[in-house]
Amino acid sequence: MLSRLYHLKDRSETARILSELSHLGEAYFLLMSRQGRRTLNYYGYDGLHIAHARAKRKARQQALDRLRRLRFIKTRRAAKKYEVAITEKGWQEIFRLRVFDADLLPEEKMCMVVFDIPESHRSLRKLLRGFLESAGFMPIQRSVWISPFDAAEPITDLFRKSRHARWIRVFTVEEHC
């Protein structure tokens, strides 16, 4: 399930579109114009909405092209519509972004991931450690990782989709020292 990833910048337009695709099935694209006054002067007040619509389409197409290039999505044309499917690599990035968007747990609590993956699946262990590190987790031991964020639900959802879930456990724990 896990593979080496090129990671999107948190809160980037591309990351937001990928997240919207996962939540809604179709994306709603928003673009904040940095050249609002210039556009207003060029198009006039009546043509302003046309300019914004053009800018939205361009930003949307660029983001979709980037997602396609990174192999986070697949697209195909069916009749007069485009169909978009999120790839396995795309789902991994969605879950990584969801972990980063998780709220901070109360001070004494933390999210803990514990795994006991057999030696015959060494590459899976390495990929899992890399994923946890990229998602902001810190190792306590080589197979025990913690995070101060409430990431148990997105991490559990990711592992549920994996056939290796039997070796991985996710907990929200309270520290007593």
N, C-alpha and C. Protein backbone atom coordinates (compact mmCIF):
# COMPACT_ATOMS: atom_id res chain seq x y z
N MET A 1 0.82 -1.20 0.00
CA MET A 1 0.00 0.00 0.00
C MET A 1 0.86 1.26 0.00
N LEU A 2 1.94 1.27 0.77
CA LEU A 2 2.78 2.45 0.85
C LEU A 2 3.85 2.40 -0.23
N SER A 3 4.16 3.54 -0.79
CA SER A 3 5.23 3.62 -1.78
C SER A 3 5.99 4.91 -1.54
N ARG A 4 7.14 5.03 -2.16
CA ARG A 4 7.90 6.27 -2.03
C ARG A 4 7.10 7.39 -2.67
N LEU A 5 7.07 8.52 -2.00
CA LEU A 5 6.21 9.60 -2.44
C LEU A 5 6.99 10.88 -2.69
N TYR A 6 6.53 11.62 -3.67
CA TYR A 6 6.89 13.01 -3.79
C TYR A 6 5.80 13.72 -3.00
N HIS A 7 6.17 14.54 -2.04
CA HIS A 7 5.18 15.14 -1.18
C HIS A 7 4.78 16.52 -1.66
N LEU A 8 3.51 16.81 -1.55
CA LEU A 8 3.00 18.13 -1.88
C LEU A 8 3.24 19.06 -0.70
N LYS A 9 3.36 20.34 -0.97
CA LYS A 9 3.49 21.30 0.11
C LYS A 9 2.16 21.41 0.82
N ASP A 10 2.21 21.44 2.14
CA ASP A 10 1.00 21.58 2.93
C ASP A 10 0.30 22.88 2.57
N ARG A 11 -1.01 22.80 2.45
CA ARG A 11 -1.87 23.93 2.17
C ARG A 11 -1.62 24.56 0.79
N SER A 12 -0.94 23.85 -0.11
CA SER A 12 -0.77 24.34 -1.47
C SER A 12 -2.05 24.12 -2.26
N GLU A 13 -2.18 24.80 -3.39
CA GLU A 13 -3.37 24.66 -4.23
C GLU A 13 -3.52 23.21 -4.68
N THR A 14 -2.41 22.58 -5.04
CA THR A 14 -2.44 21.19 -5.50
C THR A 14 -2.88 20.26 -4.38
N ALA A 15 -2.36 20.47 -3.18
CA ALA A 15 -2.76 19.65 -2.03
C ALA A 15 -4.23 19.85 -1.70
N ARG A 16 -4.70 21.10 -1.81
CA ARG A 16 -6.10 21.38 -1.51
C ARG A 16 -7.02 20.69 -2.51
N ILE A 17 -6.64 20.70 -3.79
CA ILE A 17 -7.47 20.06 -4.81
C ILE A 17 -7.51 18.56 -4.58
N LEU A 18 -6.36 17.96 -4.27
CA LEU A 18 -6.34 16.52 -4.01
C LEU A 18 -7.22 16.19 -2.83
N SER A 19 -7.18 17.00 -1.80
CA SER A 19 -8.02 16.79 -0.63
C SER A 19 -9.50 16.94 -0.98
N GLU A 20 -9.84 17.95 -1.76
CA GLU A 20 -11.23 18.14 -2.16
C GLU A 20 -11.74 16.97 -2.99
N LEU A 21 -10.88 16.43 -3.86
CA LEU A 21 -11.28 15.27 -4.64
C LEU A 21 -11.62 14.10 -3.74
N SER A 22 -10.87 13.95 -2.66
CA SER A 22 -11.13 12.83 -1.76
C SER A 22 -12.41 13.02 -0.96
N HIS A 23 -12.74 14.28 -0.61
CA HIS A 23 -13.92 14.53 0.21
C HIS A 23 -15.20 14.63 -0.61
N LEU A 24 -15.13 15.22 -1.77
CA LEU A 24 -16.34 15.56 -2.49
C LEU A 24 -16.59 14.75 -3.75
N GLY A 25 -15.56 14.10 -4.26
CA GLY A 25 -15.73 13.39 -5.52
C GLY A 25 -15.53 14.32 -6.70
N GLU A 26 -15.75 15.58 -6.50
CA GLU A 26 -15.44 16.57 -7.51
C GLU A 26 -14.91 17.80 -6.78
N ALA A 27 -14.04 18.54 -7.43
CA ALA A 27 -13.38 19.65 -6.75
C ALA A 27 -14.05 20.99 -7.05
N TYR A 28 -14.03 21.83 -6.07
CA TYR A 28 -14.45 23.21 -6.25
C TYR A 28 -13.20 24.06 -6.07
N PHE A 29 -12.89 24.80 -7.08
CA PHE A 29 -11.62 25.49 -7.09
C PHE A 29 -11.79 26.97 -6.80
N LEU A 30 -10.98 27.41 -5.90
CA LEU A 30 -11.01 28.81 -5.54
C LEU A 30 -9.65 29.42 -5.85
N LEU A 31 -9.67 30.60 -6.33
CA LEU A 31 -8.42 31.28 -6.65
C LEU A 31 -8.53 32.71 -6.16
N MET A 32 -7.61 33.12 -5.36
CA MET A 32 -7.58 34.50 -4.89
C MET A 32 -6.71 35.28 -5.87
N SER A 33 -7.28 36.28 -6.50
CA SER A 33 -6.57 37.06 -7.51
C SER A 33 -5.63 38.04 -6.82
N ARG A 34 -4.35 37.99 -7.17
CA ARG A 34 -3.38 38.93 -6.65
C ARG A 34 -3.32 40.18 -7.53
N GLN A 35 -3.90 40.08 -8.68
CA GLN A 35 -3.86 41.21 -9.62
C GLN A 35 -5.25 41.78 -9.82
N GLY A 36 -6.01 41.85 -8.75
CA GLY A 36 -7.39 42.28 -8.84
C GLY A 36 -7.58 43.66 -9.47
N ARG A 37 -6.80 44.64 -9.00
CA ARG A 37 -6.95 45.99 -9.55
C ARG A 37 -6.54 46.05 -11.01
N ARG A 38 -5.46 45.37 -11.34
CA ARG A 38 -4.99 45.36 -12.72
C ARG A 38 -6.04 44.71 -13.64
N THR A 39 -6.60 43.61 -13.18
CA THR A 39 -7.63 42.92 -13.94
C THR A 39 -8.86 43.81 -14.11
N LEU A 40 -9.22 44.50 -13.04
CA LEU A 40 -10.37 45.39 -13.10
C LEU A 40 -10.13 46.51 -14.12
N ASN A 41 -8.93 47.07 -14.12
CA ASN A 41 -8.61 48.13 -15.08
C ASN A 41 -8.62 47.61 -16.51
N TYR A 42 -8.14 46.40 -16.71
CA TYR A 42 -8.04 45.86 -18.06
C TYR A 42 -9.40 45.44 -18.61
N TYR A 43 -10.18 44.70 -17.81
CA TYR A 43 -11.45 44.15 -18.27
C TYR A 43 -12.65 45.05 -17.96
N GLY A 44 -12.48 45.96 -17.02
CA GLY A 44 -13.61 46.75 -16.58
C GLY A 44 -14.44 45.95 -15.58
N TYR A 45 -15.35 46.62 -14.93
CA TYR A 45 -16.14 45.97 -13.89
C TYR A 45 -16.99 44.84 -14.46
N ASP A 46 -17.57 45.04 -15.64
CA ASP A 46 -18.44 44.01 -16.23
C ASP A 46 -17.67 42.76 -16.64
N GLY A 47 -16.43 42.93 -17.04
CA GLY A 47 -15.64 41.79 -17.51
C GLY A 47 -14.83 41.11 -16.42
N LEU A 48 -14.95 41.63 -15.20
CA LEU A 48 -14.15 41.08 -14.11
C LEU A 48 -14.45 39.61 -13.84
N HIS A 49 -15.73 39.24 -13.85
CA HIS A 49 -16.08 37.84 -13.58
C HIS A 49 -15.55 36.91 -14.69
N ILE A 50 -15.46 37.41 -15.91
CA ILE A 50 -14.89 36.60 -17.01
C ILE A 50 -13.41 36.35 -16.75
N ALA A 51 -12.71 37.38 -16.32
CA ALA A 51 -11.28 37.24 -16.04
C ALA A 51 -11.05 36.27 -14.89
N HIS A 52 -11.88 36.36 -13.85
CA HIS A 52 -11.74 35.43 -12.72
C HIS A 52 -12.05 34.00 -13.13
N ALA A 53 -13.05 33.82 -13.96
CA ALA A 53 -13.39 32.47 -14.43
C ALA A 53 -12.24 31.89 -15.24
N ARG A 54 -11.62 32.71 -16.08
CA ARG A 54 -10.46 32.25 -16.85
C ARG A 54 -9.31 31.86 -15.95
N ALA A 55 -9.05 32.71 -14.95
CA ALA A 55 -7.95 32.43 -14.01
C ALA A 55 -8.22 31.16 -13.22
N LYS A 56 -9.48 30.94 -12.81
CA LYS A 56 -9.83 29.72 -12.08
C LYS A 56 -9.61 28.48 -12.94
N ARG A 57 -10.06 28.56 -14.19
CA ARG A 57 -9.87 27.41 -15.10
C ARG A 57 -8.40 27.11 -15.31
N LYS A 58 -7.60 28.15 -15.46
CA LYS A 58 -6.17 27.95 -15.67
C LYS A 58 -5.51 27.33 -14.44
N ALA A 59 -5.81 27.86 -13.26
CA ALA A 59 -5.23 27.32 -12.02
C ALA A 59 -5.68 25.88 -11.81
N ARG A 60 -6.94 25.61 -12.10
CA ARG A 60 -7.48 24.26 -11.95
C ARG A 60 -6.77 23.29 -12.90
N GLN A 61 -6.61 23.71 -14.14
CA GLN A 61 -5.95 22.84 -15.12
C GLN A 61 -4.49 22.60 -14.75
N GLN A 62 -3.80 23.63 -14.27
CA GLN A 62 -2.41 23.47 -13.86
C GLN A 62 -2.30 22.50 -12.68
N ALA A 63 -3.19 22.63 -11.72
CA ALA A 63 -3.17 21.75 -10.56
C ALA A 63 -3.48 20.31 -10.96
N LEU A 64 -4.47 20.11 -11.82
CA LEU A 64 -4.80 18.76 -12.29
C LEU A 64 -3.65 18.17 -13.09
N ASP A 65 -3.01 18.98 -13.92
CA ASP A 65 -1.85 18.50 -14.68
C ASP A 65 -0.72 18.07 -13.75
N ARG A 66 -0.51 18.85 -12.70
CA ARG A 66 0.54 18.51 -11.74
C ARG A 66 0.19 17.21 -11.00
N LEU A 67 -1.06 17.06 -10.58
CA LEU A 67 -1.48 15.82 -9.92
C LEU A 67 -1.31 14.63 -10.85
N ARG A 68 -1.61 14.81 -12.13
CA ARG A 68 -1.47 13.75 -13.11
C ARG A 68 0.01 13.41 -13.31
N ARG A 69 0.86 14.43 -13.44
CA ARG A 69 2.30 14.21 -13.62
C ARG A 69 2.90 13.47 -12.43
N LEU A 70 2.45 13.81 -11.23
CA LEU A 70 2.95 13.17 -10.01
C LEU A 70 2.32 11.80 -9.79
N ARG A 71 1.38 11.43 -10.66
CA ARG A 71 0.67 10.16 -10.60
C ARG A 71 -0.16 10.00 -9.33
N PHE A 72 -0.73 11.13 -8.86
CA PHE A 72 -1.65 11.10 -7.74
C PHE A 72 -3.06 10.84 -8.24
N ILE A 73 -3.33 11.16 -9.50
CA ILE A 73 -4.64 10.90 -10.10
C ILE A 73 -4.44 10.34 -11.50
N LYS A 74 -5.50 9.69 -11.99
CA LYS A 74 -5.57 9.26 -13.39
C LYS A 74 -6.81 9.91 -13.97
N THR A 75 -6.70 10.34 -15.20
CA THR A 75 -7.87 10.91 -15.86
C THR A 75 -8.10 10.19 -17.17
N ARG A 76 -9.36 10.16 -17.57
CA ARG A 76 -9.70 9.62 -18.89
C ARG A 76 -10.94 10.33 -19.37
N ARG A 77 -11.02 10.44 -20.65
CA ARG A 77 -12.17 11.11 -21.25
C ARG A 77 -13.23 10.08 -21.58
N ALA A 78 -14.44 10.32 -21.09
CA ALA A 78 -15.57 9.44 -21.35
C ALA A 78 -16.70 10.32 -21.88
N ALA A 79 -17.06 10.09 -23.13
CA ALA A 79 -18.07 10.92 -23.81
C ALA A 79 -17.57 12.37 -23.81
N LYS A 80 -18.32 13.28 -23.24
CA LYS A 80 -17.90 14.68 -23.20
C LYS A 80 -17.41 15.11 -21.83
N LYS A 81 -17.13 14.15 -20.97
CA LYS A 81 -16.68 14.44 -19.62
C LYS A 81 -15.32 13.81 -19.37
N TYR A 82 -14.63 14.34 -18.37
CA TYR A 82 -13.40 13.73 -17.89
C TYR A 82 -13.72 13.00 -16.59
N GLU A 83 -13.19 11.79 -16.46
CA GLU A 83 -13.32 11.05 -15.22
C GLU A 83 -11.98 11.10 -14.51
N VAL A 84 -12.03 11.34 -13.22
CA VAL A 84 -10.82 11.45 -12.41
C VAL A 84 -10.85 10.35 -11.36
N ALA A 85 -9.75 9.62 -11.24
CA ALA A 85 -9.63 8.58 -10.22
C ALA A 85 -8.35 8.83 -9.42
N ILE A 86 -8.46 8.73 -8.12
CA ILE A 86 -7.30 8.90 -7.26
C ILE A 86 -6.53 7.59 -7.22
N THR A 87 -5.21 7.66 -7.44
CA THR A 87 -4.38 6.47 -7.44
C THR A 87 -4.00 6.10 -6.00
N GLU A 88 -3.38 4.95 -5.83
CA GLU A 88 -2.93 4.52 -4.51
C GLU A 88 -1.94 5.53 -3.94
N LYS A 89 -1.04 6.00 -4.79
CA LYS A 89 -0.07 7.01 -4.38
C LYS A 89 -0.79 8.30 -3.94
N GLY A 90 -1.86 8.66 -4.64
CA GLY A 90 -2.65 9.83 -4.29
C GLY A 90 -3.33 9.67 -2.95
N TRP A 91 -3.88 8.48 -2.68
CA TRP A 91 -4.52 8.23 -1.38
C TRP A 91 -3.51 8.34 -0.25
N GLN A 92 -2.30 7.84 -0.48
CA GLN A 92 -1.26 7.96 0.55
C GLN A 92 -0.98 9.43 0.86
N GLU A 93 -0.91 10.24 -0.17
CA GLU A 93 -0.65 11.67 0.03
C GLU A 93 -1.84 12.33 0.74
N ILE A 94 -3.05 11.92 0.41
CA ILE A 94 -4.24 12.45 1.09
C ILE A 94 -4.16 12.15 2.59
N PHE A 95 -3.81 10.91 2.93
CA PHE A 95 -3.73 10.55 4.35
C PHE A 95 -2.61 11.30 5.04
N ARG A 96 -1.48 11.50 4.36
CA ARG A 96 -0.37 12.26 4.94
C ARG A 96 -0.82 13.69 5.22
N LEU A 97 -1.55 14.29 4.28
CA LEU A 97 -2.04 15.66 4.46
C LEU A 97 -3.09 15.72 5.58
N ARG A 98 -3.91 14.69 5.71
CA ARG A 98 -4.89 14.65 6.80
C ARG A 98 -4.21 14.57 8.16
N VAL A 99 -3.10 13.85 8.23
CA VAL A 99 -2.35 13.77 9.49
C VAL A 99 -1.83 15.16 9.84
N PHE A 100 -1.30 15.89 8.85
CA PHE A 100 -0.81 17.23 9.12
C PHE A 100 -1.91 18.20 9.51
N ASP A 101 -3.12 17.96 9.05
CA ASP A 101 -4.24 18.83 9.38
C ASP A 101 -4.91 18.46 10.69
N ALA A 102 -4.47 17.38 11.32
CA ALA A 102 -5.09 16.92 12.58
C ALA A 102 -4.84 17.94 13.69
N ASP A 103 -5.79 17.99 14.60
CA ASP A 103 -5.69 18.90 15.74
C ASP A 103 -4.67 18.38 16.74
N LEU A 104 -4.16 19.28 17.54
CA LEU A 104 -3.22 18.93 18.60
C LEU A 104 -3.99 18.25 19.73
N LEU A 105 -3.44 17.16 20.23
CA LEU A 105 -4.05 16.46 21.36
C LEU A 105 -3.75 17.23 22.65
N PRO A 106 -4.54 16.99 23.72
CA PRO A 106 -4.20 17.60 25.02
C PRO A 106 -2.77 17.23 25.40
N GLU A 107 -2.16 18.03 26.25
CA GLU A 107 -0.73 17.93 26.54
C GLU A 107 -0.25 16.54 26.98
N GLU A 108 -1.05 15.83 27.77
CA GLU A 108 -0.60 14.53 28.27
C GLU A 108 -0.89 13.37 27.32
N LYS A 109 -1.61 13.61 26.20
CA LYS A 109 -1.97 12.54 25.28
C LYS A 109 -1.14 12.61 24.00
N MET A 110 -1.07 11.47 23.32
CA MET A 110 -0.38 11.41 22.04
C MET A 110 -0.91 10.25 21.20
N CYS A 111 -0.69 10.32 19.92
CA CYS A 111 -1.05 9.25 19.00
C CYS A 111 0.18 8.35 18.86
N MET A 112 -0.03 7.05 18.99
CA MET A 112 1.10 6.11 18.91
C MET A 112 0.80 5.03 17.87
N VAL A 113 1.79 4.79 17.02
CA VAL A 113 1.71 3.72 16.03
C VAL A 113 2.74 2.68 16.41
N VAL A 114 2.28 1.45 16.56
CA VAL A 114 3.15 0.32 16.92
C VAL A 114 3.01 -0.72 15.83
N PHE A 115 4.13 -1.24 15.36
CA PHE A 115 4.06 -2.28 14.33
C PHE A 115 5.08 -3.37 14.59
N ASP A 116 4.73 -4.56 14.16
CA ASP A 116 5.59 -5.74 14.27
C ASP A 116 5.51 -6.46 12.93
N ILE A 117 6.26 -5.95 11.97
CA ILE A 117 6.23 -6.48 10.61
C ILE A 117 7.34 -7.51 10.46
N PRO A 118 7.01 -8.71 9.96
CA PRO A 118 8.01 -9.77 9.84
C PRO A 118 9.21 -9.37 8.97
N GLU A 119 10.30 -10.03 9.21
CA GLU A 119 11.54 -9.78 8.47
C GLU A 119 11.35 -10.00 6.97
N SER A 120 10.45 -10.88 6.60
CA SER A 120 10.22 -11.16 5.18
C SER A 120 9.60 -9.96 4.46
N HIS A 121 9.10 -8.98 5.21
CA HIS A 121 8.50 -7.77 4.63
C HIS A 121 9.31 -6.53 5.04
N ARG A 122 10.62 -6.65 4.99
CA ARG A 122 11.53 -5.58 5.40
C ARG A 122 11.27 -4.27 4.65
N SER A 123 10.99 -4.36 3.35
CA SER A 123 10.77 -3.15 2.57
C SER A 123 9.51 -2.40 3.04
N LEU A 124 8.50 -3.14 3.48
CA LEU A 124 7.29 -2.52 4.00
C LEU A 124 7.61 -1.74 5.29
N ARG A 125 8.43 -2.31 6.14
CA ARG A 125 8.84 -1.61 7.37
C ARG A 125 9.54 -0.30 7.03
N LYS A 126 10.43 -0.37 6.06
CA LYS A 126 11.19 0.82 5.67
C LYS A 126 10.25 1.90 5.10
N LEU A 127 9.30 1.49 4.27
CA LEU A 127 8.34 2.43 3.71
C LEU A 127 7.45 3.03 4.80
N LEU A 128 7.02 2.19 5.75
CA LEU A 128 6.17 2.67 6.84
C LEU A 128 6.92 3.69 7.69
N ARG A 129 8.16 3.41 8.02
CA ARG A 129 8.96 4.37 8.80
C ARG A 129 9.11 5.69 8.04
N GLY A 130 9.37 5.60 6.75
CA GLY A 130 9.50 6.82 5.94
C GLY A 130 8.20 7.61 5.91
N PHE A 131 7.08 6.90 5.78
CA PHE A 131 5.77 7.57 5.77
C PHE A 131 5.51 8.25 7.10
N LEU A 132 5.74 7.54 8.21
CA LEU A 132 5.49 8.12 9.53
C LEU A 132 6.38 9.33 9.77
N GLU A 133 7.63 9.25 9.35
CA GLU A 133 8.54 10.39 9.51
C GLU A 133 8.06 11.59 8.69
N SER A 134 7.63 11.33 7.46
CA SER A 134 7.16 12.43 6.60
C SER A 134 5.84 13.01 7.11
N ALA A 135 5.09 12.24 7.89
CA ALA A 135 3.82 12.71 8.45
C ALA A 135 4.00 13.36 9.82
N GLY A 136 5.25 13.55 10.25
CA GLY A 136 5.50 14.28 11.48
C GLY A 136 5.60 13.42 12.74
N PHE A 137 5.63 12.10 12.60
CA PHE A 137 5.78 11.22 13.76
C PHE A 137 7.25 11.15 14.18
N MET A 138 7.48 10.86 15.46
CA MET A 138 8.83 10.72 15.99
C MET A 138 9.01 9.30 16.54
N PRO A 139 10.16 8.69 16.30
CA PRO A 139 10.36 7.32 16.81
C PRO A 139 10.73 7.32 18.29
N ILE A 140 10.11 6.39 19.04
CA ILE A 140 10.52 6.12 20.41
C ILE A 140 11.45 4.90 20.36
N GLN A 141 11.03 3.92 19.58
CA GLN A 141 11.83 2.75 19.24
C GLN A 141 11.69 2.59 17.73
N ARG A 142 12.34 1.62 17.15
CA ARG A 142 12.28 1.47 15.70
C ARG A 142 10.89 1.08 15.22
N SER A 143 10.09 0.47 16.10
CA SER A 143 8.75 0.07 15.68
C SER A 143 7.64 0.74 16.51
N VAL A 144 7.97 1.82 17.22
CA VAL A 144 7.00 2.58 18.00
C VAL A 144 7.21 4.06 17.68
N TRP A 145 6.17 4.68 17.13
CA TRP A 145 6.25 6.08 16.70
C TRP A 145 5.13 6.87 17.36
N ILE A 146 5.42 8.13 17.73
CA ILE A 146 4.42 8.96 18.39
C ILE A 146 4.28 10.31 17.68
N SER A 147 3.11 10.92 17.91
CA SER A 147 2.83 12.25 17.38
C SER A 147 1.94 12.98 18.38
N PRO A 148 2.14 14.29 18.54
CA PRO A 148 1.26 15.04 19.45
C PRO A 148 -0.08 15.40 18.81
N PHE A 149 -0.30 14.98 17.57
CA PHE A 149 -1.53 15.32 16.86
C PHE A 149 -2.54 14.19 16.90
N ASP A 150 -3.80 14.54 16.81
CA ASP A 150 -4.89 13.56 16.84
C ASP A 150 -5.01 12.91 15.46
N ALA A 151 -4.03 12.07 15.13
CA ALA A 151 -3.94 11.48 13.80
C ALA A 151 -4.37 10.02 13.78
N ALA A 152 -4.96 9.52 14.85
CA ALA A 152 -5.32 8.11 14.93
C ALA A 152 -6.32 7.71 13.84
N GLU A 153 -7.32 8.53 13.60
CA GLU A 153 -8.35 8.18 12.61
C GLU A 153 -7.79 8.12 11.18
N PRO A 154 -7.08 9.18 10.69
CA PRO A 154 -6.56 9.06 9.32
C PRO A 154 -5.52 7.95 9.17
N ILE A 155 -4.69 7.74 10.19
CA ILE A 155 -3.69 6.67 10.11
C ILE A 155 -4.39 5.32 10.09
N THR A 156 -5.39 5.13 10.94
CA THR A 156 -6.14 3.87 10.96
C THR A 156 -6.82 3.62 9.62
N ASP A 157 -7.43 4.68 9.05
CA ASP A 157 -8.06 4.54 7.73
C ASP A 157 -7.06 4.10 6.67
N LEU A 158 -5.87 4.66 6.70
CA LEU A 158 -4.83 4.27 5.74
C LEU A 158 -4.47 2.80 5.89
N PHE A 159 -4.26 2.36 7.12
CA PHE A 159 -3.84 0.98 7.35
C PHE A 159 -4.96 -0.01 7.10
N ARG A 160 -6.21 0.41 7.30
CA ARG A 160 -7.34 -0.46 7.01
C ARG A 160 -7.37 -0.85 5.54
N LYS A 161 -6.95 0.06 4.68
CA LYS A 161 -6.94 -0.20 3.24
C LYS A 161 -5.79 -1.14 2.85
N SER A 162 -4.86 -1.34 3.75
CA SER A 162 -3.70 -2.18 3.47
C SER A 162 -3.96 -3.62 3.90
N ARG A 163 -3.42 -4.53 3.13
CA ARG A 163 -3.56 -5.95 3.51
C ARG A 163 -2.61 -6.32 4.65
N HIS A 164 -1.74 -5.38 5.04
CA HIS A 164 -0.77 -5.62 6.11
C HIS A 164 -1.24 -5.06 7.45
N ALA A 165 -2.50 -4.71 7.55
CA ALA A 165 -3.04 -4.05 8.74
C ALA A 165 -2.89 -4.91 10.00
N ARG A 166 -2.81 -6.20 9.84
CA ARG A 166 -2.74 -7.07 11.03
C ARG A 166 -1.46 -6.87 11.83
N TRP A 167 -0.45 -6.25 11.23
CA TRP A 167 0.83 -6.03 11.90
C TRP A 167 0.96 -4.64 12.50
N ILE A 168 -0.04 -3.80 12.28
CA ILE A 168 0.06 -2.39 12.66
C ILE A 168 -1.09 -2.02 13.58
N ARG A 169 -0.78 -1.33 14.68
CA ARG A 169 -1.80 -0.87 15.63
C ARG A 169 -1.61 0.63 15.87
N VAL A 170 -2.73 1.33 16.01
CA VAL A 170 -2.71 2.77 16.26
C VAL A 170 -3.49 3.03 17.54
N PHE A 171 -2.90 3.82 18.44
CA PHE A 171 -3.51 4.11 19.73
C PHE A 171 -3.46 5.60 20.01
N THR A 172 -4.41 6.07 20.81
CA THR A 172 -4.29 7.38 21.44
C THR A 172 -4.01 7.07 22.90
N VAL A 173 -2.84 7.47 23.39
CA VAL A 173 -2.38 7.08 24.72
C VAL A 173 -2.18 8.30 25.59
N GLU A 174 -2.16 8.04 26.89
CA GLU A 174 -1.90 9.09 27.87
C GLU A 174 -0.61 8.74 28.59
N GLU A 175 0.28 9.70 28.66
CA GLU A 175 1.59 9.46 29.28
C GLU A 175 1.51 9.70 30.78
N HIS A 176 2.07 8.75 31.55
CA HIS A 176 2.13 8.86 33.01
C HIS A 176 3.59 8.70 33.42
N CYS A 177 4.21 9.78 33.77
CA CYS A 177 5.62 9.70 34.23
C CYS A 177 5.80 10.38 35.54
